[in-house]
Amino acid sequence: MDRLRTALALERIAATGSFAAAARDLGLSTTAISRWIRDLEADLGVRLLQRTTRKVSLTEVGARYRDRMAPLLREIVDIDDEVRTLRTEPSGRVRLTASVAFGSRVLAAEMVAFQQRFPKVEVDLYLSGRNQDLVAGRFNLGIRMRELPPSSLIARRLGATDAVVCAAPSYLQARSVPRTPGDLEDLDFVVFAGLERRPTLSFARGETEVRPRSRLSVGTIEAVEAALLQGAGFGLLPSYMARPLIREGRLACLRPDHPLPADPVSAVYPARDYLGLKVRVLIDFLAERFADAHWNAERA
């Protein structure tokens, strides 16, 4: 019995919940990996998988076995990748997920540049309004904004993006330009849905909190941008959206000397996924590109 290949098959079955999906991932037949698992269970004298008509999951003993084998499998993959880099270049398909706003305004262009550098890597960039389950969606990598909650995901911080307080010049023409954060309470605030109707804005210096009035609440950050450009009031846009519009004169930054707290931008991947060369070079590429990005609040 090839113990390591069987352990890898067990890991993929646990991750996908299916013998068929695991077989596709490994380029093997369902019959082959089913036989491997049966032989391993017989050899160990324990049941590693709980099989139902709808899903396959690890038993308690199976989870323990998988956890103990994971570092060994990861080390083997690392060694293989290190050797491959001596004679090959990154290739294959990477599945990447991110938010609609960040993906369309930042990542899409970066993926073009990435493929120019690594032409043998294919990229599937999936954009969504919510964080995707990386394992269930079979994603290699996710780009997450804001602080990450405790989870089993491994994260590498790539930078940070702050929010910009801005409004269209047309909205400000008939009004006094706010000179202090408190002056914002006299202006109309376009709210990104999910916030309170009178949300509190806490500026990074910590000396001021503002509760502006809101007459319009919208469901996406793109809708906030559209409303601001039409002169609906002021609002918060992430710097990767706001700064190009400010440079073009389509929006004005209201409080440049009172920055809002920045949110981290991180690359995340499942803890038990074995990063191939194609994924590693993508993470390194993004870290390099984001280091000098105009929206990165952590740039030197």
C-alpha atoms as a PDB file:
ATOM      1  CA  MET A   1       0.000   0.000   0.000  1.00  0.00           C
ATOM      2  CA  ASP A   2       1.225   3.491  -0.882  1.00  0.00           C
ATOM      3  CA  ARG A   3       0.545   5.098   2.483  1.00  0.00           C
ATOM      4  CA  LEU A   4       1.279   8.683   1.418  1.00  0.00           C
ATOM      5  CA  ARG A   5      -0.904   8.588  -1.702  1.00  0.00           C
ATOM      6  CA  THR A   6      -3.712   7.059   0.342  1.00  0.00           C
ATOM      7  CA  ALA A   7      -3.353   9.789   2.994  1.00  0.00           C
ATOM      8  CA  LEU A   8      -3.522  12.422   0.258  1.00  0.00           C
ATOM      9  CA  ALA A   9      -6.670  10.778  -1.111  1.00  0.00           C
ATOM     10  CA  LEU A  10      -8.178  10.814   2.384  1.00  0.00           C
ATOM     11  CA  GLU A  11      -7.444  14.527   2.723  1.00  0.00           C
ATOM     12  CA  ARG A  12      -9.109  15.348  -0.603  1.00  0.00           C
ATOM     13  CA  ILE A  13     -12.160  13.217   0.240  1.00  0.00           C
ATOM     14  CA  ALA A  14     -12.506  15.077   3.551  1.00  0.00           C
ATOM     15  CA  ALA A  15     -12.104  18.457   1.845  1.00  0.00           C
ATOM     16  CA  THR A  16     -14.589  17.797  -0.945  1.00  0.00           C
ATOM     17  CA  GLY A  17     -16.999  15.448   0.852  1.00  0.00           C
ATOM     18  CA  SER A  18     -16.973  13.148  -2.150  1.00  0.00           C
ATOM     19  CA  PHE A  19     -14.966  10.242  -3.533  1.00  0.00           C
ATOM     20  CA  ALA A  20     -15.759  11.392  -7.081  1.00  0.00           C
ATOM     21  CA  ALA A  21     -14.579  14.988  -6.482  1.00  0.00           C
ATOM     22  CA  ALA A  22     -11.412  13.753  -4.784  1.00  0.00           C
ATOM     23  CA  ALA A  23     -10.732  11.438  -7.723  1.00  0.00           C
ATOM     24  CA  ARG A  24     -11.100  14.361 -10.160  1.00  0.00           C
ATOM     25  CA  ASP A  25      -8.727  16.510  -8.106  1.00  0.00           C
ATOM     26  CA  LEU A  26      -6.103  13.762  -8.064  1.00  0.00           C
ATOM     27  CA  GLY A  27      -6.594  12.618 -11.634  1.00  0.00           C
ATOM     28  CA  LEU A  28      -7.510   9.096 -10.527  1.00  0.00           C
ATOM     29  CA  SER A  29     -10.505   6.810 -10.730  1.00  0.00           C
ATOM     30  CA  THR A  30     -13.111   6.650  -7.981  1.00  0.00           C
ATOM     31  CA  THR A  31     -12.606   2.895  -7.862  1.00  0.00           C
ATOM     32  CA  ALA A  32      -8.896   3.284  -7.159  1.00  0.00           C
ATOM     33  CA  ILE A  33      -9.165   5.676  -4.238  1.00  0.00           C
ATOM     34  CA  SER A  34     -12.110   3.739  -2.786  1.00  0.00           C
ATOM     35  CA  ARG A  35      -9.940   0.626  -2.758  1.00  0.00           C
ATOM     36  CA  TRP A  36      -7.044   2.518  -1.166  1.00  0.00           C
ATOM     37  CA  ILE A  37      -9.245   3.779   1.671  1.00  0.00           C
ATOM     38  CA  ARG A  38     -10.765   0.321   2.282  1.00  0.00           C
ATOM     39  CA  ASP A  39      -7.274  -1.213   2.416  1.00  0.00           C
ATOM     40  CA  LEU A  40      -6.064   1.473   4.827  1.00  0.00           C
ATOM     41  CA  GLU A  41      -9.078   1.031   7.119  1.00  0.00           C
ATOM     42  CA  ALA A  42      -8.547  -2.735   7.075  1.00  0.00           C
ATOM     43  CA  ASP A  43      -4.851  -2.354   7.842  1.00  0.00           C
ATOM     44  CA  LEU A  44      -5.481   0.056  10.742  1.00  0.00           C
ATOM     45  CA  GLY A  45      -8.555  -1.767  11.996  1.00  0.00           C
ATOM     46  CA  VAL A  46     -10.590   1.459  12.260  1.00  0.00           C
ATOM     47  CA  ARG A  47     -13.206   3.319  10.251  1.00  0.00           C
ATOM     48  CA  LEU A  48     -11.792   6.575   8.894  1.00  0.00           C
ATOM     49  CA  LEU A  49     -14.794   7.809   6.917  1.00  0.00           C
ATOM     50  CA  GLN A  50     -18.484   8.051   7.647  1.00  0.00           C
ATOM     51  CA  ARG A  51     -20.379   7.367   4.427  1.00  0.00           C
ATOM     52  CA  THR A  52     -23.963   8.473   3.769  1.00  0.00           C
ATOM     53  CA  THR A  53     -25.995   8.686   0.586  1.00  0.00           C
ATOM     54  CA  ARG A  54     -25.320  12.438   0.360  1.00  0.00           C
ATOM     55  CA  LYS A  55     -21.867  13.062   1.818  1.00  0.00           C
ATOM     56  CA  VAL A  56     -18.676  11.496   3.063  1.00  0.00           C
ATOM     57  CA  SER A  57     -17.068  12.884   6.219  1.00  0.00           C
ATOM     58  CA  LEU A  58     -14.245  11.972   8.571  1.00  0.00           C
ATOM     59  CA  THR A  59     -14.858  10.004  11.720  1.00  0.00           C
ATOM     60  CA  GLU A  60     -13.166  11.237  14.877  1.00  0.00           C
ATOM     61  CA  VAL A  61     -10.350   8.748  14.323  1.00  0.00           C
ATOM     62  CA  GLY A  62     -10.164   9.740  10.655  1.00  0.00           C
ATOM     63  CA  ALA A  63      -9.795  13.407  11.552  1.00  0.00           C
ATOM     64  CA  ARG A  64      -7.000  12.549  13.969  1.00  0.00           C
ATOM     65  CA  TYR A  65      -5.218  10.496  11.306  1.00  0.00           C
ATOM     66  CA  ARG A  66      -5.597  13.267   8.705  1.00  0.00           C
ATOM     67  CA  ASP A  67      -4.274  15.919  11.103  1.00  0.00           C
ATOM     68  CA  ARG A  68      -1.189  13.866  11.952  1.00  0.00           C
ATOM     69  CA  MET A  69      -0.450  13.121   8.292  1.00  0.00           C
ATOM     70  CA  ALA A  70      -0.977  16.710   7.067  1.00  0.00           C
ATOM     71  CA  PRO A  71       2.504  18.064   8.012  1.00  0.00           C
ATOM     72  CA  LEU A  72       4.178  15.118   6.280  1.00  0.00           C
ATOM     73  CA  LEU A  73       2.175  15.627   3.099  1.00  0.00           C
ATOM     74  CA  ARG A  74       2.855  19.360   3.144  1.00  0.00           C
ATOM     75  CA  GLU A  75       6.582  18.752   3.506  1.00  0.00           C
ATOM     76  CA  ILE A  76       6.589  16.334   0.572  1.00  0.00           C
ATOM     77  CA  VAL A  77       4.750  18.812  -1.642  1.00  0.00           C
ATOM     78  CA  ASP A  78       7.168  21.559  -0.577  1.00  0.00           C
ATOM     79  CA  ILE A  79      10.142  19.394  -1.506  1.00  0.00           C
ATOM     80  CA  ASP A  80       8.596  18.477  -4.856  1.00  0.00           C
ATOM     81  CA  ASP A  81       7.861  22.121  -5.678  1.00  0.00           C
ATOM     82  CA  GLU A  82      11.347  23.204  -4.688  1.00  0.00           C
ATOM     83  CA  VAL A  83      12.840  20.652  -7.054  1.00  0.00           C
ATOM     84  CA  ARG A  84      10.451  21.572  -9.856  1.00  0.00           C
ATOM     85  CA  THR A  85      11.477  25.224  -9.691  1.00  0.00           C
ATOM     86  CA  LEU A  86      14.974  24.181 -10.746  1.00  0.00           C
ATOM     87  CA  ARG A  87      13.718  23.062 -14.147  1.00  0.00           C
ATOM     88  CA  THR A  88      10.188  24.363 -14.706  1.00  0.00           C
ATOM     89  CA  GLU A  89       8.121  27.521 -14.563  1.00  0.00           C
ATOM     90  CA  PRO A  90       4.727  27.912 -12.861  1.00  0.00           C
ATOM     91  CA  SER A  91       1.853  26.438 -14.821  1.00  0.00           C
ATOM     92  CA  GLY A  92      -1.723  25.249 -14.401  1.00  0.00           C
ATOM     93  CA  ARG A  93      -4.962  26.871 -13.259  1.00  0.00           C
ATOM     94  CA  VAL A  94      -5.472  29.015 -10.142  1.00  0.00           C
ATOM     95  CA  ARG A  95      -8.952  29.678  -8.767  1.00  0.00           C
ATOM     96  CA  LEU A  96      -9.090  33.017  -6.975  1.00  0.00           C
ATOM     97  CA  THR A  97     -12.015  34.769  -5.287  1.00  0.00           C
ATOM     98  CA  ALA A  98     -12.468  38.366  -4.109  1.00  0.00           C
ATOM     99  CA  SER A  99     -15.105  41.054  -3.640  1.00  0.00           C
ATOM    100  CA  VAL A 100     -16.728  42.573  -6.715  1.00  0.00           C
ATOM    101  CA  ALA A 101     -15.359  46.053  -6.017  1.00  0.00           C
ATOM    102  CA  PHE A 102     -11.751  45.092  -5.278  1.00  0.00           C
ATOM    103  CA  GLY A 103     -11.715  42.421  -7.951  1.00  0.00           C
ATOM    104  CA  SER A 104     -12.954  44.693 -10.723  1.00  0.00           C
ATOM    105  CA  ARG A 105     -11.004  47.825  -9.697  1.00  0.00           C
ATOM    106  CA  VAL A 106      -7.701  46.200  -8.706  1.00  0.00           C
ATOM    107  CA  LEU A 107      -7.349  42.460  -9.247  1.00  0.00           C
ATOM    108  CA  ALA A 108      -8.535  42.162 -12.854  1.00  0.00           C
ATOM    109  CA  ALA A 109      -5.729  44.407 -14.099  1.00  0.00           C
ATOM    110  CA  GLU A 110      -3.220  42.714 -11.803  1.00  0.00           C
ATOM    111  CA  MET A 111      -4.150  39.316 -13.228  1.00  0.00           C
ATOM    112  CA  VAL A 112      -3.303  40.578 -16.720  1.00  0.00           C
ATOM    113  CA  ALA A 113       0.111  41.680 -15.464  1.00  0.00           C
ATOM    114  CA  PHE A 114       0.547  38.395 -13.609  1.00  0.00           C
ATOM    115  CA  GLN A 115      -0.105  36.343 -16.730  1.00  0.00           C
ATOM    116  CA  GLN A 116       2.305  38.467 -18.710  1.00  0.00           C
ATOM    117  CA  ARG A 117       4.984  37.444 -16.236  1.00  0.00           C
ATOM    118  CA  PHE A 118       3.794  33.833 -15.899  1.00  0.00           C
ATOM    119  CA  PRO A 119       2.149  32.983 -19.235  1.00  0.00           C
ATOM    120  CA  LYS A 120       1.607  29.300 -18.419  1.00  0.00           C
ATOM    121  CA  VAL A 121      -0.661  30.021 -15.439  1.00  0.00           C
ATOM    122  CA  GLU A 122      -4.410  30.239 -16.105  1.00  0.00           C
ATOM    123  CA  VAL A 123      -6.545  32.258 -13.678  1.00  0.00           C
ATOM    124  CA  ASP A 124     -10.219  31.924 -12.755  1.00  0.00           C
ATOM    125  CA  LEU A 125     -11.144  35.147 -10.932  1.00  0.00           C
ATOM    126  CA  TYR A 126     -14.528  34.757  -9.226  1.00  0.00           C
ATOM    127  CA  LEU A 127     -16.059  37.953  -7.815  1.00  0.00           C
ATOM    128  CA  SER A 128     -18.843  37.951  -5.245  1.00  0.00           C
ATOM    129  CA  GLY A 129     -20.548  40.249  -2.794  1.00  0.00           C
ATOM    130  CA  ARG A 130     -19.803  37.845   0.051  1.00  0.00           C
ATOM    131  CA  ASN A 131     -16.835  35.795   1.214  1.00  0.00           C
ATOM    132  CA  GLN A 132     -16.820  32.404  -0.452  1.00  0.00           C
ATOM    133  CA  ASP A 133     -16.137  29.077   1.255  1.00  0.00           C
ATOM    134  CA  LEU A 134     -12.730  28.278  -0.208  1.00  0.00           C
ATOM    135  CA  VAL A 135     -12.960  24.533   0.339  1.00  0.00           C
ATOM    136  CA  ALA A 136     -16.522  24.081  -0.903  1.00  0.00           C
ATOM    137  CA  GLY A 137     -15.851  26.354  -3.879  1.00  0.00           C
ATOM    138  CA  ARG A 138     -12.541  24.625  -4.592  1.00  0.00           C
ATOM    139  CA  PHE A 139     -10.686  27.944  -4.583  1.00  0.00           C
ATOM    140  CA  ASN A 140      -6.919  28.017  -4.222  1.00  0.00           C
ATOM    141  CA  LEU A 141      -6.885  31.528  -2.819  1.00  0.00           C
ATOM    142  CA  GLY A 142      -9.149  34.278  -1.511  1.00  0.00           C
ATOM    143  CA  ILE A 143      -8.508  37.988  -1.074  1.00  0.00           C
ATOM    144  CA  ARG A 144     -10.190  39.264   2.079  1.00  0.00           C
ATOM    145  CA  MET A 145     -10.670  42.810   3.306  1.00  0.00           C
ATOM    146  CA  ARG A 146     -10.922  43.829   6.965  1.00  0.00           C
ATOM    147  CA  GLU A 147      -9.822  41.973  10.072  1.00  0.00           C
ATOM    148  CA  LEU A 148     -10.182  38.219   9.765  1.00  0.00           C
ATOM    149  CA  PRO A 149     -12.260  36.315  12.326  1.00  0.00           C
ATOM    150  CA  PRO A 150     -10.697  33.232  13.945  1.00  0.00           C
ATOM    151  CA  SER A 151     -10.750  30.365  11.448  1.00  0.00           C
ATOM    152  CA  SER A 152      -8.681  27.530  10.050  1.00  0.00           C
ATOM    153  CA  LEU A 153      -7.560  29.690   7.130  1.00  0.00           C
ATOM    154  CA  ILE A 154      -3.925  30.661   6.695  1.00  0.00           C
ATOM    155  CA  ALA A 155      -3.517  34.385   5.945  1.00  0.00           C
ATOM    156  CA  ARG A 156      -0.742  36.522   4.515  1.00  0.00           C
ATOM    157  CA  ARG A 157      -1.178  40.255   4.876  1.00  0.00           C
ATOM    158  CA  LEU A 158      -0.656  42.102   1.590  1.00  0.00           C
ATOM    159  CA  GLY A 159      -1.364  45.659   2.704  1.00  0.00           C
ATOM    160  CA  ALA A 160      -4.237  47.792   3.952  1.00  0.00           C
ATOM    161  CA  THR A 161      -6.797  50.112   2.450  1.00  0.00           C
ATOM    162  CA  ASP A 162      -8.424  53.040   4.201  1.00  0.00           C
ATOM    163  CA  ALA A 163     -11.750  54.731   3.570  1.00  0.00           C
ATOM    164  CA  VAL A 164     -11.900  58.192   2.030  1.00  0.00           C
ATOM    165  CA  VAL A 165     -14.533  60.752   3.013  1.00  0.00           C
ATOM    166  CA  CYS A 166     -15.600  62.296  -0.272  1.00  0.00           C
ATOM    167  CA  ALA A 167     -18.351  64.076  -2.204  1.00  0.00           C
ATOM    168  CA  ALA A 168     -18.933  65.442  -5.685  1.00  0.00           C
ATOM    169  CA  PRO A 169     -17.885  69.073  -6.294  1.00  0.00           C
ATOM    170  CA  SER A 170     -21.443  69.739  -7.478  1.00  0.00           C
ATOM    171  CA  TYR A 171     -22.793  68.814  -4.022  1.00  0.00           C
ATOM    172  CA  LEU A 172     -20.324  71.108  -2.276  1.00  0.00           C
ATOM    173  CA  GLN A 173     -20.877  74.165  -4.496  1.00  0.00           C
ATOM    174  CA  ALA A 174     -23.948  75.338  -2.550  1.00  0.00           C
ATOM    175  CA  ARG A 175     -22.550  74.355   0.850  1.00  0.00           C
ATOM    176  CA  SER A 176     -19.708  75.279   3.115  1.00  0.00           C
ATOM    177  CA  VAL A 177     -16.806  72.914   2.789  1.00  0.00           C
ATOM    178  CA  PRO A 178     -16.461  71.108   6.155  1.00  0.00           C
ATOM    179  CA  ARG A 179     -13.410  72.244   8.079  1.00  0.00           C
ATOM    180  CA  THR A 180     -13.687  69.829  11.006  1.00  0.00           C
ATOM    181  CA  PRO A 181     -15.036  66.276  11.237  1.00  0.00           C
ATOM    182  CA  GLY A 182     -17.977  67.639  13.220  1.00  0.00           C
ATOM    183  CA  ASP A 183     -19.057  69.719  10.214  1.00  0.00           C
ATOM    184  CA  LEU A 184     -19.929  66.472   8.435  1.00  0.00           C
ATOM    185  CA  GLU A 185     -23.002  66.133  10.660  1.00  0.00           C
ATOM    186  CA  ASP A 186     -24.613  68.987   8.689  1.00  0.00           C
ATOM    187  CA  LEU A 187     -24.239  67.151   5.344  1.00  0.00           C
ATOM    188  CA  ASP A 188     -26.203  64.327   3.728  1.00  0.00           C
ATOM    189  CA  PHE A 189     -24.539  60.939   4.147  1.00  0.00           C
ATOM    190  CA  VAL A 190     -24.919  58.078   1.653  1.00  0.00           C
ATOM    191  CA  VAL A 191     -24.891  54.872   3.700  1.00  0.00           C
ATOM    192  CA  PHE A 192     -23.623  51.498   2.557  1.00  0.00           C
ATOM    193  CA  ALA A 193     -26.505  49.189   3.596  1.00  0.00           C
ATOM    194  CA  GLY A 194     -25.876  47.221   6.735  1.00  0.00           C
ATOM    195  CA  LEU A 195     -24.722  50.255   8.689  1.00  0.00           C
ATOM    196  CA  GLU A 196     -26.992  52.082  11.100  1.00  0.00           C
ATOM    197  CA  ARG A 197     -29.112  54.909   9.705  1.00  0.00           C
ATOM    198  CA  ARG A 198     -26.920  57.269  11.745  1.00  0.00           C
ATOM    199  CA  PRO A 199     -23.595  55.417  11.847  1.00  0.00           C
ATOM    200  CA  THR A 200     -20.661  56.629  13.871  1.00  0.00           C
ATOM    201  CA  LEU A 201     -17.497  57.598  12.004  1.00  0.00           C
ATOM    202  CA  SER A 202     -14.442  57.172  14.218  1.00  0.00           C
ATOM    203  CA  PHE A 203     -11.393  58.904  12.812  1.00  0.00           C
ATOM    204  CA  ALA A 204      -7.981  57.297  13.170  1.00  0.00           C
ATOM    205  CA  ARG A 205      -6.615  59.878  15.552  1.00  0.00           C
ATOM    206  CA  GLY A 206      -9.348  58.904  17.971  1.00  0.00           C
ATOM    207  CA  GLU A 207     -10.233  62.434  19.016  1.00  0.00           C
ATOM    208  CA  THR A 208     -13.465  62.717  17.036  1.00  0.00           C
ATOM    209  CA  GLU A 209     -16.554  60.636  16.452  1.00  0.00           C
ATOM    210  CA  VAL A 210     -19.195  61.854  14.028  1.00  0.00           C
ATOM    211  CA  ARG A 211     -22.814  60.744  13.583  1.00  0.00           C
ATOM    212  CA  PRO A 212     -23.964  62.217  10.242  1.00  0.00           C
ATOM    213  CA  ARG A 213     -27.555  62.144   9.042  1.00  0.00           C
ATOM    214  CA  SER A 214     -28.444  59.702   6.306  1.00  0.00           C
ATOM    215  CA  ARG A 215     -31.137  60.183   3.655  1.00  0.00           C
ATOM    216  CA  LEU A 216     -30.013  57.379   1.317  1.00  0.00           C
ATOM    217  CA  SER A 217     -28.959  53.792   2.033  1.00  0.00           C
ATOM    218  CA  VAL A 218     -27.768  51.534  -0.803  1.00  0.00           C
ATOM    219  CA  GLY A 219     -26.814  47.878  -1.019  1.00  0.00           C
ATOM    220  CA  THR A 220     -23.388  47.894  -2.672  1.00  0.00           C
ATOM    221  CA  ILE A 221     -20.273  50.029  -2.526  1.00  0.00           C
ATOM    222  CA  GLU A 222     -20.605  50.571  -6.277  1.00  0.00           C
ATOM    223  CA  ALA A 223     -24.037  52.112  -5.644  1.00  0.00           C
ATOM    224  CA  VAL A 224     -22.482  54.418  -3.025  1.00  0.00           C
ATOM    225  CA  GLU A 225     -20.001  55.570  -5.667  1.00  0.00           C
ATOM    226  CA  ALA A 226     -22.746  56.162  -8.238  1.00  0.00           C
ATOM    227  CA  ALA A 227     -24.835  58.173  -5.753  1.00  0.00           C
ATOM    228  CA  LEU A 228     -21.867  60.322  -4.727  1.00  0.00           C
ATOM    229  CA  LEU A 229     -21.017  61.092  -8.354  1.00  0.00           C
ATOM    230  CA  GLN A 230     -24.619  62.262  -8.844  1.00  0.00           C
ATOM    231  CA  GLY A 231     -24.278  64.704  -5.948  1.00  0.00           C
ATOM    232  CA  ALA A 232     -26.400  62.837  -3.401  1.00  0.00           C
ATOM    233  CA  GLY A 233     -24.144  63.818  -0.494  1.00  0.00           C
ATOM    234  CA  PHE A 234     -20.895  62.632   1.006  1.00  0.00           C
ATOM    235  CA  GLY A 235     -19.883  59.098   1.818  1.00  0.00           C
ATOM    236  CA  LEU A 236     -17.065  56.666   2.411  1.00  0.00           C
ATOM    237  CA  LEU A 237     -15.306  54.912  -0.441  1.00  0.00           C
ATOM    238  CA  PRO A 238     -12.296  52.613  -0.186  1.00  0.00           C
ATOM    239  CA  SER A 239      -9.195  54.413  -1.399  1.00  0.00           C
ATOM    240  CA  TYR A 240      -8.757  52.097  -4.379  1.00  0.00           C
ATOM    241  CA  MET A 241     -12.107  53.434  -5.684  1.00  0.00           C
ATOM    242  CA  ALA A 242     -11.919  57.026  -4.458  1.00  0.00           C
ATOM    243  CA  ARG A 243      -8.406  58.173  -5.322  1.00  0.00           C
ATOM    244  CA  PRO A 244      -8.663  57.815  -9.129  1.00  0.00           C
ATOM    245  CA  LEU A 245     -11.935  59.788  -9.057  1.00  0.00           C
ATOM    246  CA  ILE A 246     -10.364  62.475  -6.864  1.00  0.00           C
ATOM    247  CA  ARG A 247      -7.431  62.781  -9.285  1.00  0.00           C
ATOM    248  CA  GLU A 248      -9.913  63.208 -12.143  1.00  0.00           C
ATOM    249  CA  GLY A 249     -11.760  65.935 -10.219  1.00  0.00           C
ATOM    250  CA  ARG A 250     -15.012  63.956 -10.142  1.00  0.00           C
ATOM    251  CA  LEU A 251     -14.924  63.681  -6.342  1.00  0.00           C
ATOM    252  CA  ALA A 252     -13.354  65.803  -3.614  1.00  0.00           C
ATOM    253  CA  CYS A 253     -11.719  64.447  -0.460  1.00  0.00           C
ATOM    254  CA  LEU A 254     -13.349  66.229   2.499  1.00  0.00           C
ATOM    255  CA  ARG A 255     -11.073  65.361   5.411  1.00  0.00           C
ATOM    256  CA  PRO A 256      -7.558  64.494   4.148  1.00  0.00           C
ATOM    257  CA  ASP A 257      -6.009  65.449   7.495  1.00  0.00           C
ATOM    258  CA  HIS A 258      -8.344  63.190   9.512  1.00  0.00           C
ATOM    259  CA  PRO A 259      -7.855  59.669   8.128  1.00  0.00           C
ATOM    260  CA  LEU A 260     -10.186  56.830   8.994  1.00  0.00           C
ATOM    261  CA  PRO A 261      -8.749  53.524  10.272  1.00  0.00           C
ATOM    262  CA  ALA A 262      -7.333  51.259   7.572  1.00  0.00           C
ATOM    263  CA  ASP A 263      -8.530  47.695   6.960  1.00  0.00           C
ATOM    264  CA  PRO A 264      -6.042  44.929   6.149  1.00  0.00           C
ATOM    265  CA  VAL A 265      -5.970  43.231   2.763  1.00  0.00           C
ATOM    266  CA  SER A 266      -5.001  39.565   3.078  1.00  0.00           C
ATOM    267  CA  ALA A 267      -4.494  36.519   0.892  1.00  0.00           C
ATOM    268  CA  VAL A 268      -6.077  33.492   2.569  1.00  0.00           C
ATOM    269  CA  TYR A 269      -6.052  29.788   1.811  1.00  0.00           C
ATOM    270  CA  PRO A 270      -7.184  26.623   3.593  1.00  0.00           C
ATOM    271  CA  ALA A 271      -4.770  25.455   6.254  1.00  0.00           C
ATOM    272  CA  ARG A 272      -4.578  21.952   4.846  1.00  0.00           C
ATOM    273  CA  ASP A 273      -4.249  22.931   1.210  1.00  0.00           C
ATOM    274  CA  TYR A 274      -0.817  22.253  -0.236  1.00  0.00           C
ATOM    275  CA  LEU A 275       0.247  25.373  -2.046  1.00  0.00           C
ATOM    276  CA  GLY A 276       1.713  24.582  -5.425  1.00  0.00           C
ATOM    277  CA  LEU A 277       4.220  26.807  -7.148  1.00  0.00           C
ATOM    278  CA  LYS A 278       1.524  28.562  -9.189  1.00  0.00           C
ATOM    279  CA  VAL A 279      -0.275  29.747  -6.036  1.00  0.00           C
ATOM    280  CA  ARG A 280       2.901  30.760  -4.241  1.00  0.00           C
ATOM    281  CA  VAL A 281       4.122  32.922  -7.097  1.00  0.00           C
ATOM    282  CA  LEU A 282       0.672  34.561  -7.304  1.00  0.00           C
ATOM    283  CA  ILE A 283       0.761  35.489  -3.606  1.00  0.00           C
ATOM    284  CA  ASP A 284       4.315  36.820  -3.942  1.00  0.00           C
ATOM    285  CA  PHE A 285       3.335  38.749  -7.059  1.00  0.00           C
ATOM    286  CA  LEU A 286       0.388  40.423  -5.309  1.00  0.00           C
ATOM    287  CA  ALA A 287       2.536  41.297  -2.292  1.00  0.00           C
ATOM    288  CA  GLU A 288       5.075  42.915  -4.602  1.00  0.00           C
ATOM    289  CA  ARG A 289       2.497  44.851  -6.621  1.00  0.00           C
ATOM    290  CA  PHE A 290       0.449  45.980  -3.633  1.00  0.00           C
ATOM    291  CA  ALA A 291       3.512  47.281  -1.764  1.00  0.00           C
ATOM    292  CA  ASP A 292       3.565  50.445  -3.906  1.00  0.00           C
ATOM    293  CA  ALA A 293      -0.130  50.669  -4.798  1.00  0.00           C
ATOM    294  CA  HIS A 294      -1.686  54.122  -4.431  1.00  0.00           C
ATOM    295  CA  TRP A 295      -4.449  52.717  -2.200  1.00  0.00           C
ATOM    296  CA  ASN A 296      -2.129  50.834   0.198  1.00  0.00           C
ATOM    297  CA  ALA A 297      -2.162  52.693   3.505  1.00  0.00           C
ATOM    298  CA  GLU A 298       0.960  50.783   4.573  1.00  0.00           C
ATOM    299  CA  ARG A 299       3.192  51.746   1.659  1.00  0.00           C
ATOM    300  CA  ALA A 300       6.478  53.389   2.559  1.00  0.00           C
END
